[in-house]
Amino acid sequence: KKKKKKKKKKKKKKKKTKKKKKK
């Protein structure tokens, strides 16, 4: 019997974008 290796899922971090204010 062959053992199956489980792949770990990596969580992606979301980058917060800064909004530029118009004067």
PDB file of N, CA and C in Angstrom:
ATOM      1  N   LYS A   1       0.847  -1.207   0.000  1.00  0.00           N
ATOM      2  CA  LYS A   1       0.000   0.000   0.000  1.00  0.00           C
ATOM      3  C   LYS A   1       0.877   1.249   0.000  1.00  0.00           C
ATOM      4  N   LYS A   2       0.500   2.156  -0.889  1.00  0.00           N
ATOM      5  CA  LYS A   2       1.264   3.414  -1.022  1.00  0.00           C
ATOM      6  C   LYS A   2       0.612   4.518  -0.211  1.00  0.00           C
ATOM      7  N   LYS A   3       1.442   5.262   0.503  1.00  0.00           N
ATOM      8  CA  LYS A   3       0.929   6.370   1.325  1.00  0.00           C
ATOM      9  C   LYS A   3       0.890   7.646   0.504  1.00  0.00           C
ATOM     10  N   LYS A   4      -0.247   8.329   0.607  1.00  0.00           N
ATOM     11  CA  LYS A   4      -0.417   9.582  -0.137  1.00  0.00           C
ATOM     12  C   LYS A   4      -0.006  10.756   0.743  1.00  0.00           C
ATOM     13  N   LYS A   5       0.788  11.644   0.156  1.00  0.00           N
ATOM     14  CA  LYS A   5       1.262  12.831   0.886  1.00  0.00           C
ATOM     15  C   LYS A   5       0.269  13.967   0.707  1.00  0.00           C
ATOM     16  N   LYS A   6      -0.092  14.584   1.840  1.00  0.00           N
ATOM     17  CA  LYS A   6      -1.049  15.699   1.804  1.00  0.00           C
ATOM     18  C   LYS A   6      -0.310  17.002   1.625  1.00  0.00           C
ATOM     19  N   LYS A   7      -0.801  17.807   0.710  1.00  0.00           N
ATOM     20  CA  LYS A   7      -0.186  19.118   0.428  1.00  0.00           C
ATOM     21  C   LYS A   7      -0.831  20.185   1.290  1.00  0.00           C
ATOM     22  N   LYS A   8       0.007  20.986   1.920  1.00  0.00           N
ATOM     23  CA  LYS A   8      -0.494  22.067   2.778  1.00  0.00           C
ATOM     24  C   LYS A   8      -0.743  23.310   1.944  1.00  0.00           C
ATOM     25  N   LYS A   9      -1.912  23.908   2.157  1.00  0.00           N
ATOM     26  CA  LYS A   9      -2.274  25.121   1.417  1.00  0.00           C
ATOM     27  C   LYS A   9      -1.785  26.345   2.154  1.00  0.00           C
ATOM     28  N   LYS A  10      -1.106  27.219   1.397  1.00  0.00           N
ATOM     29  CA  LYS A  10      -0.573  28.456   1.971  1.00  0.00           C
ATOM     30  C   LYS A  10      -1.594  29.567   1.832  1.00  0.00           C
ATOM     31  N   LYS A  11      -1.795  30.296   2.931  1.00  0.00           N
ATOM     32  CA  LYS A  11      -2.748  31.407   2.924  1.00  0.00           C
ATOM     33  C   LYS A  11      -2.076  32.644   2.377  1.00  0.00           C
ATOM     34  N   LYS A  12      -2.754  33.293   1.440  1.00  0.00           N
ATOM     35  CA  LYS A  12      -2.225  34.515   0.818  1.00  0.00           C
ATOM     36  C   LYS A  12      -2.650  35.730   1.612  1.00  0.00           C
ATOM     37  N   LYS A  13      -1.674  36.590   1.885  1.00  0.00           N
ATOM     38  CA  LYS A  13      -1.962  37.813   2.638  1.00  0.00           C
ATOM     39  C   LYS A  13      -2.344  38.921   1.667  1.00  0.00           C
ATOM     40  N   LYS A  14      -3.456  39.594   1.986  1.00  0.00           N
ATOM     41  CA  LYS A  14      -3.940  40.687   1.129  1.00  0.00           C
ATOM     42  C   LYS A  14      -3.283  41.990   1.537  1.00  0.00           C
ATOM     43  N   LYS A  15      -2.760  42.679   0.516  1.00  0.00           N
ATOM     44  CA  LYS A  15      -2.100  43.970   0.758  1.00  0.00           C
ATOM     45  C   LYS A  15      -3.118  45.087   0.687  1.00  0.00           C
ATOM     46  N   LYS A  16      -3.079  45.936   1.701  1.00  0.00           N
ATOM     47  CA  LYS A  16      -4.011  47.068   1.746  1.00  0.00           C
ATOM     48  C   LYS A  16      -3.438  48.201   0.910  1.00  0.00           C
ATOM     49  N   THR A  17      -4.252  48.719  -0.006  1.00  0.00           N
ATOM     50  CA  THR A  17      -3.832  49.811  -0.851  1.00  0.00           C
ATOM     51  C   THR A  17      -4.311  51.138  -0.280  1.00  0.00           C
ATOM     52  N   LYS A  18      -3.383  52.075  -0.235  1.00  0.00           N
ATOM     53  CA  LYS A  18      -3.704  53.408   0.293  1.00  0.00           C
ATOM     54  C   LYS A  18      -4.252  54.281  -0.823  1.00  0.00           C
ATOM     55  N   LYS A  19      -5.366  54.926  -0.531  1.00  0.00           N
ATOM     56  CA  LYS A  19      -6.008  55.815  -1.504  1.00  0.00           C
ATOM     57  C   LYS A  19      -5.455  57.221  -1.349  1.00  0.00           C
ATOM     58  N   LYS A  20      -5.105  57.800  -2.510  1.00  0.00           N
ATOM     59  CA  LYS A  20      -4.563  59.159  -2.509  1.00  0.00           C
ATOM     60  C   LYS A  20      -5.695  60.179  -2.531  1.00  0.00           C
ATOM     61  N   LYS A  21      -5.587  61.135  -1.650  1.00  0.00           N
ATOM     62  CA  LYS A  21      -6.614  62.179  -1.551  1.00  0.00           C
ATOM     63  C   LYS A  21      -6.237  63.373  -2.418  1.00  0.00           C
ATOM     64  N   LYS A  22      -7.230  63.858  -3.156  1.00  0.00           N
ATOM     65  CA  LYS A  22      -7.025  65.036  -4.016  1.00  0.00           C
ATOM     66  C   LYS A  22      -7.331  66.291  -3.224  1.00  0.00           C
ATOM     67  N   LYS A  23      -6.405  67.242  -3.282  1.00  0.00           N
ATOM     68  CA  LYS A  23      -6.600  68.501  -2.538  1.00  0.00           C
ATOM     69  C   LYS A  23      -7.415  69.482  -3.362  1.00  0.00           C
TER      70      LYS A  23
END
